[in-house]
Amino acid sequence: MREDYKLQGKLVKLSIEVEESVAQTLVEMEKFVKLTQSELTNTALKRFIAHHKDFLPPGFKAKK
């Protein structure tokens, strides 16, 4: 299952703001599971997108 978190494909930098408690939790998760913040965040965002297709415009096709 840990392989599900590995980053694949081309990477881009993204600058976002999150609540302080979210950032602190992410730091603790990174230490505990030995996955990078980028790997954890990328997986979380993929899961969010998969469950919230209603946030996308009609006909949107993600590039793979």
PDB file of N, CA and C in Angstrom:
ATOM      1  N   MET A   1       0.818  -1.202   0.000  1.00  0.00           N
ATOM      2  CA  MET A   1       0.000   0.000   0.000  1.00  0.00           C
ATOM      3  C   MET A   1       0.857   1.259   0.000  1.00  0.00           C
ATOM      4  N   ARG A   2       2.020   1.194   0.593  1.00  0.00           N
ATOM      5  CA  ARG A   2       2.886   2.381   0.633  1.00  0.00           C
ATOM      6  C   ARG A   2       3.262   2.843  -0.769  1.00  0.00           C
ATOM      7  N   GLU A   3       3.286   1.922  -1.715  1.00  0.00           N
ATOM      8  CA  GLU A   3       3.624   2.288  -3.091  1.00  0.00           C
ATOM      9  C   GLU A   3       2.556   3.183  -3.709  1.00  0.00           C
ATOM     10  N   ASP A   4       1.328   3.141  -3.185  1.00  0.00           N
ATOM     11  CA  ASP A   4       0.245   3.989  -3.684  1.00  0.00           C
ATOM     12  C   ASP A   4       0.560   5.471  -3.481  1.00  0.00           C
ATOM     13  N   TYR A   5       1.458   5.779  -2.579  1.00  0.00           N
ATOM     14  CA  TYR A   5       1.765   7.163  -2.239  1.00  0.00           C
ATOM     15  C   TYR A   5       2.887   7.758  -3.078  1.00  0.00           C
ATOM     16  N   LYS A   6       3.633   6.920  -3.778  1.00  0.00           N
ATOM     17  CA  LYS A   6       4.771   7.414  -4.539  1.00  0.00           C
ATOM     18  C   LYS A   6       4.317   8.336  -5.670  1.00  0.00           C
ATOM     19  N   LEU A   7       5.049   9.419  -5.852  1.00  0.00           N
ATOM     20  CA  LEU A   7       4.737  10.373  -6.909  1.00  0.00           C
ATOM     21  C   LEU A   7       5.123   9.783  -8.256  1.00  0.00           C
ATOM     22  N   GLN A   8       4.263   9.979  -9.237  1.00  0.00           N
ATOM     23  CA  GLN A   8       4.503   9.438 -10.571  1.00  0.00           C
ATOM     24  C   GLN A   8       4.303  10.544 -11.589  1.00  0.00           C
ATOM     25  N   GLY A   9       5.025  10.466 -12.679  1.00  0.00           N
ATOM     26  CA  GLY A   9       4.857  11.448 -13.743  1.00  0.00           C
ATOM     27  C   GLY A   9       5.541  12.764 -13.444  1.00  0.00           C
ATOM     28  N   LYS A  10       5.241  13.741 -14.282  1.00  0.00           N
ATOM     29  CA  LYS A  10       5.841  15.075 -14.175  1.00  0.00           C
ATOM     30  C   LYS A  10       5.333  15.771 -12.908  1.00  0.00           C
ATOM     31  N   LEU A  11       6.227  16.448 -12.225  1.00  0.00           N
ATOM     32  CA  LEU A  11       5.871  17.167 -10.993  1.00  0.00           C
ATOM     33  C   LEU A  11       5.899  18.671 -11.238  1.00  0.00           C
ATOM     34  N   VAL A  12       5.018  19.388 -10.551  1.00  0.00           N
ATOM     35  CA  VAL A  12       5.001  20.851 -10.593  1.00  0.00           C
ATOM     36  C   VAL A  12       4.913  21.367  -9.160  1.00  0.00           C
ATOM     37  N   LYS A  13       5.454  22.544  -8.943  1.00  0.00           N
ATOM     38  CA  LYS A  13       5.368  23.197  -7.638  1.00  0.00           C
ATOM     39  C   LYS A  13       4.012  23.876  -7.525  1.00  0.00           C
ATOM     40  N   LEU A  14       3.422  23.814  -6.348  1.00  0.00           N
ATOM     41  CA  LEU A  14       2.143  24.435  -6.087  1.00  0.00           C
ATOM     42  C   LEU A  14       2.246  25.180  -4.765  1.00  0.00           C
ATOM     43  N   SER A  15       1.866  26.425  -4.758  1.00  0.00           N
ATOM     44  CA  SER A  15       1.911  27.217  -3.539  1.00  0.00           C
ATOM     45  C   SER A  15       0.490  27.379  -3.013  1.00  0.00           C
ATOM     46  N   ILE A  16       0.247  26.862  -1.819  1.00  0.00           N
ATOM     47  CA  ILE A  16      -1.088  26.943  -1.226  1.00  0.00           C
ATOM     48  C   ILE A  16      -0.979  27.369   0.232  1.00  0.00           C
ATOM     49  N   GLU A  17      -2.074  27.787   0.784  1.00  0.00           N
ATOM     50  CA  GLU A  17      -2.143  28.092   2.208  1.00  0.00           C
ATOM     51  C   GLU A  17      -3.104  27.103   2.847  1.00  0.00           C
ATOM     52  N   VAL A  18      -2.717  26.587   4.005  1.00  0.00           N
ATOM     53  CA  VAL A  18      -3.578  25.685   4.766  1.00  0.00           C
ATOM     54  C   VAL A  18      -3.623  26.166   6.210  1.00  0.00           C
ATOM     55  N   GLU A  19      -4.612  25.683   6.918  1.00  0.00           N
ATOM     56  CA  GLU A  19      -4.715  26.039   8.334  1.00  0.00           C
ATOM     57  C   GLU A  19      -3.508  25.482   9.088  1.00  0.00           C
ATOM     58  N   GLU A  20      -3.104  26.189  10.120  1.00  0.00           N
ATOM     59  CA  GLU A  20      -1.918  25.798  10.880  1.00  0.00           C
ATOM     60  C   GLU A  20      -2.032  24.377  11.420  1.00  0.00           C
ATOM     61  N   SER A  21      -3.203  24.006  11.890  1.00  0.00           N
ATOM     62  CA  SER A  21      -3.380  22.670  12.453  1.00  0.00           C
ATOM     63  C   SER A  21      -3.200  21.589  11.381  1.00  0.00           C
ATOM     64  N   VAL A  22      -3.595  21.880  10.157  1.00  0.00           N
ATOM     65  CA  VAL A  22      -3.416  20.932   9.047  1.00  0.00           C
ATOM     66  C   VAL A  22      -1.930  20.767   8.765  1.00  0.00           C
ATOM     67  N   ALA A  23      -1.205  21.862   8.727  1.00  0.00           N
ATOM     68  CA  ALA A  23       0.235  21.815   8.465  1.00  0.00           C
ATOM     69  C   ALA A  23       0.968  21.044   9.562  1.00  0.00           C
ATOM     70  N   GLN A  24       0.603  21.285  10.815  1.00  0.00           N
ATOM     71  CA  GLN A  24       1.236  20.585  11.934  1.00  0.00           C
ATOM     72  C   GLN A  24       0.941  19.085  11.882  1.00  0.00           C
ATOM     73  N   THR A  25      -0.277  18.738  11.539  1.00  0.00           N
ATOM     74  CA  THR A  25      -0.646  17.326  11.429  1.00  0.00           C
ATOM     75  C   THR A  25       0.138  16.655  10.317  1.00  0.00           C
ATOM     76  N   LEU A  26       0.299  17.335   9.206  1.00  0.00           N
ATOM     77  CA  LEU A  26       1.056  16.799   8.078  1.00  0.00           C
ATOM     78  C   LEU A  26       2.513  16.542   8.463  1.00  0.00           C
ATOM     79  N   VAL A  27       3.102  17.437   9.233  1.00  0.00           N
ATOM     80  CA  VAL A  27       4.477  17.264   9.704  1.00  0.00           C
ATOM     81  C   VAL A  27       4.582  16.005  10.559  1.00  0.00           C
ATOM     82  N   GLU A  28       3.631  15.816  11.459  1.00  0.00           N
ATOM     83  CA  GLU A  28       3.647  14.640  12.333  1.00  0.00           C
ATOM     84  C   GLU A  28       3.431  13.352  11.543  1.00  0.00           C
ATOM     85  N   MET A  29       2.554  13.384  10.561  1.00  0.00           N
ATOM     86  CA  MET A  29       2.309  12.210   9.715  1.00  0.00           C
ATOM     87  C   MET A  29       3.578  11.847   8.953  1.00  0.00           C
ATOM     88  N   GLU A  30       4.270  12.869   8.432  1.00  0.00           N
ATOM     89  CA  GLU A  30       5.502  12.650   7.673  1.00  0.00           C
ATOM     90  C   GLU A  30       6.540  11.935   8.542  1.00  0.00           C
ATOM     91  N   LYS A  31       6.692  12.375   9.767  1.00  0.00           N
ATOM     92  CA  LYS A  31       7.652  11.764  10.682  1.00  0.00           C
ATOM     93  C   LYS A  31       7.274  10.315  10.995  1.00  0.00           C
ATOM     94  N   PHE A  32       5.996  10.067  11.208  1.00  0.00           N
ATOM     95  CA  PHE A  32       5.531   8.762  11.659  1.00  0.00           C
ATOM     96  C   PHE A  32       5.578   7.704  10.562  1.00  0.00           C
ATOM     97  N   VAL A  33       5.133   8.039   9.366  1.00  0.00           N
ATOM     98  CA  VAL A  33       5.030   7.030   8.305  1.00  0.00           C
ATOM     99  C   VAL A  33       6.187   7.065   7.321  1.00  0.00           C
ATOM    100  N   LYS A  34       7.092   8.017   7.472  1.00  0.00           N
ATOM    101  CA  LYS A  34       8.273   8.124   6.606  1.00  0.00           C
ATOM    102  C   LYS A  34       7.909   8.311   5.134  1.00  0.00           C
ATOM    103  N   LEU A  35       6.851   9.050   4.883  1.00  0.00           N
ATOM    104  CA  LEU A  35       6.491   9.484   3.531  1.00  0.00           C
ATOM    105  C   LEU A  35       6.624  10.994   3.517  1.00  0.00           C
ATOM    106  N   THR A  36       6.947  11.564   2.365  1.00  0.00           N
ATOM    107  CA  THR A  36       7.129  13.013   2.299  1.00  0.00           C
ATOM    108  C   THR A  36       5.771  13.723   2.373  1.00  0.00           C
ATOM    109  N   GLN A  37       5.821  14.992   2.736  1.00  0.00           N
ATOM    110  CA  GLN A  37       4.598  15.797   2.748  1.00  0.00           C
ATOM    111  C   GLN A  37       3.991  15.841   1.356  1.00  0.00           C
ATOM    112  N   SER A  38       4.826  15.888   0.333  1.00  0.00           N
ATOM    113  CA  SER A  38       4.327  15.905  -1.041  1.00  0.00           C
ATOM    114  C   SER A  38       3.576  14.615  -1.365  1.00  0.00           C
ATOM    115  N   GLU A  39       4.122  13.472  -0.955  1.00  0.00           N
ATOM    116  CA  GLU A  39       3.458  12.192  -1.208  1.00  0.00           C
ATOM    117  C   GLU A  39       2.125  12.106  -0.480  1.00  0.00           C
ATOM    118  N   LEU A  40       2.108  12.533   0.774  1.00  0.00           N
ATOM    119  CA  LEU A  40       0.868  12.499   1.554  1.00  0.00           C
ATOM    120  C   LEU A  40      -0.180  13.445   0.975  1.00  0.00           C
ATOM    121  N   THR A  41       0.249  14.652   0.627  1.00  0.00           N
ATOM    122  CA  THR A  41      -0.672  15.648   0.097  1.00  0.00           C
ATOM    123  C   THR A  41      -1.197  15.251  -1.275  1.00  0.00           C
ATOM    124  N   ASN A  42      -0.337  14.740  -2.131  1.00  0.00           N
ATOM    125  CA  ASN A  42      -0.744  14.311  -3.464  1.00  0.00           C
ATOM    126  C   ASN A  42      -1.811  13.212  -3.376  1.00  0.00           C
ATOM    127  N   THR A  43      -1.596  12.259  -2.477  1.00  0.00           N
ATOM    128  CA  THR A  43      -2.561  11.172  -2.292  1.00  0.00           C
ATOM    129  C   THR A  43      -3.877  11.698  -1.751  1.00  0.00           C
ATOM    130  N   ALA A  44      -3.807  12.604  -0.787  1.00  0.00           N
ATOM    131  CA  ALA A  44      -5.030  13.174  -0.212  1.00  0.00           C
ATOM    132  C   ALA A  44      -5.827  13.944  -1.270  1.00  0.00           C
ATOM    133  N   LEU A  45      -5.134  14.700  -2.096  1.00  0.00           N
ATOM    134  CA  LEU A  45      -5.814  15.461  -3.140  1.00  0.00           C
ATOM    135  C   LEU A  45      -6.418  14.550  -4.205  1.00  0.00           C
ATOM    136  N   LYS A  46      -5.709  13.489  -4.573  1.00  0.00           N
ATOM    137  CA  LYS A  46      -6.261  12.530  -5.528  1.00  0.00           C
ATOM    138  C   LYS A  46      -7.556  11.913  -4.995  1.00  0.00           C
ATOM    139  N   ARG A  47      -7.556  11.565  -3.720  1.00  0.00           N
ATOM    140  CA  ARG A  47      -8.747  10.970  -3.103  1.00  0.00           C
ATOM    141  C   ARG A  47      -9.887  11.987  -3.037  1.00  0.00           C
ATOM    142  N   PHE A  48      -9.568  13.231  -2.719  1.00  0.00           N
ATOM    143  CA  PHE A  48     -10.587  14.282  -2.687  1.00  0.00           C
ATOM    144  C   PHE A  48     -11.206  14.454  -4.074  1.00  0.00           C
ATOM    145  N   ILE A  49     -10.367  14.545  -5.091  1.00  0.00           N
ATOM    146  CA  ILE A  49     -10.846  14.727  -6.465  1.00  0.00           C
ATOM    147  C   ILE A  49     -11.725  13.553  -6.890  1.00  0.00           C
ATOM    148  N   ALA A  50     -11.306  12.344  -6.544  1.00  0.00           N
ATOM    149  CA  ALA A  50     -12.071  11.155  -6.919  1.00  0.00           C
ATOM    150  C   ALA A  50     -13.474  11.153  -6.310  1.00  0.00           C
ATOM    151  N   HIS A  51     -13.600  11.747  -5.140  1.00  0.00           N
ATOM    152  CA  HIS A  51     -14.897  11.756  -4.455  1.00  0.00           C
ATOM    153  C   HIS A  51     -15.703  13.032  -4.674  1.00  0.00           C
ATOM    154  N   HIS A  52     -15.145  14.005  -5.371  1.00  0.00           N
ATOM    155  CA  HIS A  52     -15.840  15.272  -5.576  1.00  0.00           C
ATOM    156  C   HIS A  52     -15.823  15.691  -7.041  1.00  0.00           C
ATOM    157  N   LYS A  53     -16.213  14.772  -7.897  1.00  0.00           N
ATOM    158  CA  LYS A  53     -16.277  15.066  -9.336  1.00  0.00           C
ATOM    159  C   LYS A  53     -17.267  16.196  -9.612  1.00  0.00           C
ATOM    160  N   ASP A  54     -18.196  16.426  -8.683  1.00  0.00           N
ATOM    161  CA  ASP A  54     -19.176  17.502  -8.850  1.00  0.00           C
ATOM    162  C   ASP A  54     -18.525  18.886  -8.795  1.00  0.00           C
ATOM    163  N   PHE A  55     -17.268  18.962  -8.382  1.00  0.00           N
ATOM    164  CA  PHE A  55     -16.547  20.236  -8.362  1.00  0.00           C
ATOM    165  C   PHE A  55     -15.954  20.566  -9.735  1.00  0.00           C
ATOM    166  N   LEU A  56     -15.972  19.598 -10.647  1.00  0.00           N
ATOM    167  CA  LEU A  56     -15.369  19.773 -11.977  1.00  0.00           C
ATOM    168  C   LEU A  56     -16.428  20.232 -12.991  1.00  0.00           C
ATOM    169  N   PRO A  57     -15.995  21.011 -13.998  1.00  0.00           N
ATOM    170  CA  PRO A  57     -16.946  21.423 -15.026  1.00  0.00           C
ATOM    171  C   PRO A  57     -17.404  20.219 -15.864  1.00  0.00           C
ATOM    172  N   PRO A  58     -18.589  20.284 -16.440  1.00  0.00           N
ATOM    173  CA  PRO A  58     -19.074  19.174 -17.263  1.00  0.00           C
ATOM    174  C   PRO A  58     -18.109  18.877 -18.423  1.00  0.00           C
ATOM    175  N   GLY A  59     -17.871  17.615 -18.672  1.00  0.00           N
ATOM    176  CA  GLY A  59     -17.006  17.216 -19.765  1.00  0.00           C
ATOM    177  C   GLY A  59     -15.530  17.293 -19.484  1.00  0.00           C
ATOM    178  N   PHE A  60     -15.127  17.652 -18.266  1.00  0.00           N
ATOM    179  CA  PHE A  60     -13.705  17.750 -17.940  1.00  0.00           C
ATOM    180  C   PHE A  60     -13.051  16.385 -18.005  1.00  0.00           C
ATOM    181  N   LYS A  61     -11.939  16.300 -18.697  1.00  0.00           N
ATOM    182  CA  LYS A  61     -11.154  15.071 -18.777  1.00  0.00           C
ATOM    183  C   LYS A  61      -9.751  15.365 -18.255  1.00  0.00           C
ATOM    184  N   ALA A  62      -9.367  14.727 -17.170  1.00  0.00           N
ATOM    185  CA  ALA A  62      -8.038  14.922 -16.614  1.00  0.00           C
ATOM    186  C   ALA A  62      -6.992  14.296 -17.514  1.00  0.00           C
ATOM    187  N   LYS A  63      -5.869  14.982 -17.676  1.00  0.00           N
ATOM    188  CA  LYS A  63      -4.749  14.452 -18.454  1.00  0.00           C
ATOM    189  C   LYS A  63      -3.989  13.473 -17.588  1.00  0.00           C
ATOM    190  N   LYS A  64      -3.603  12.357 -18.167  1.00  0.00           N
ATOM    191  CA  LYS A  64      -2.869  11.341 -17.386  1.00  0.00           C
ATOM    192  C   LYS A  64      -1.435  11.292 -17.758  1.00  0.00           C
TER     193      LYS A  64
END
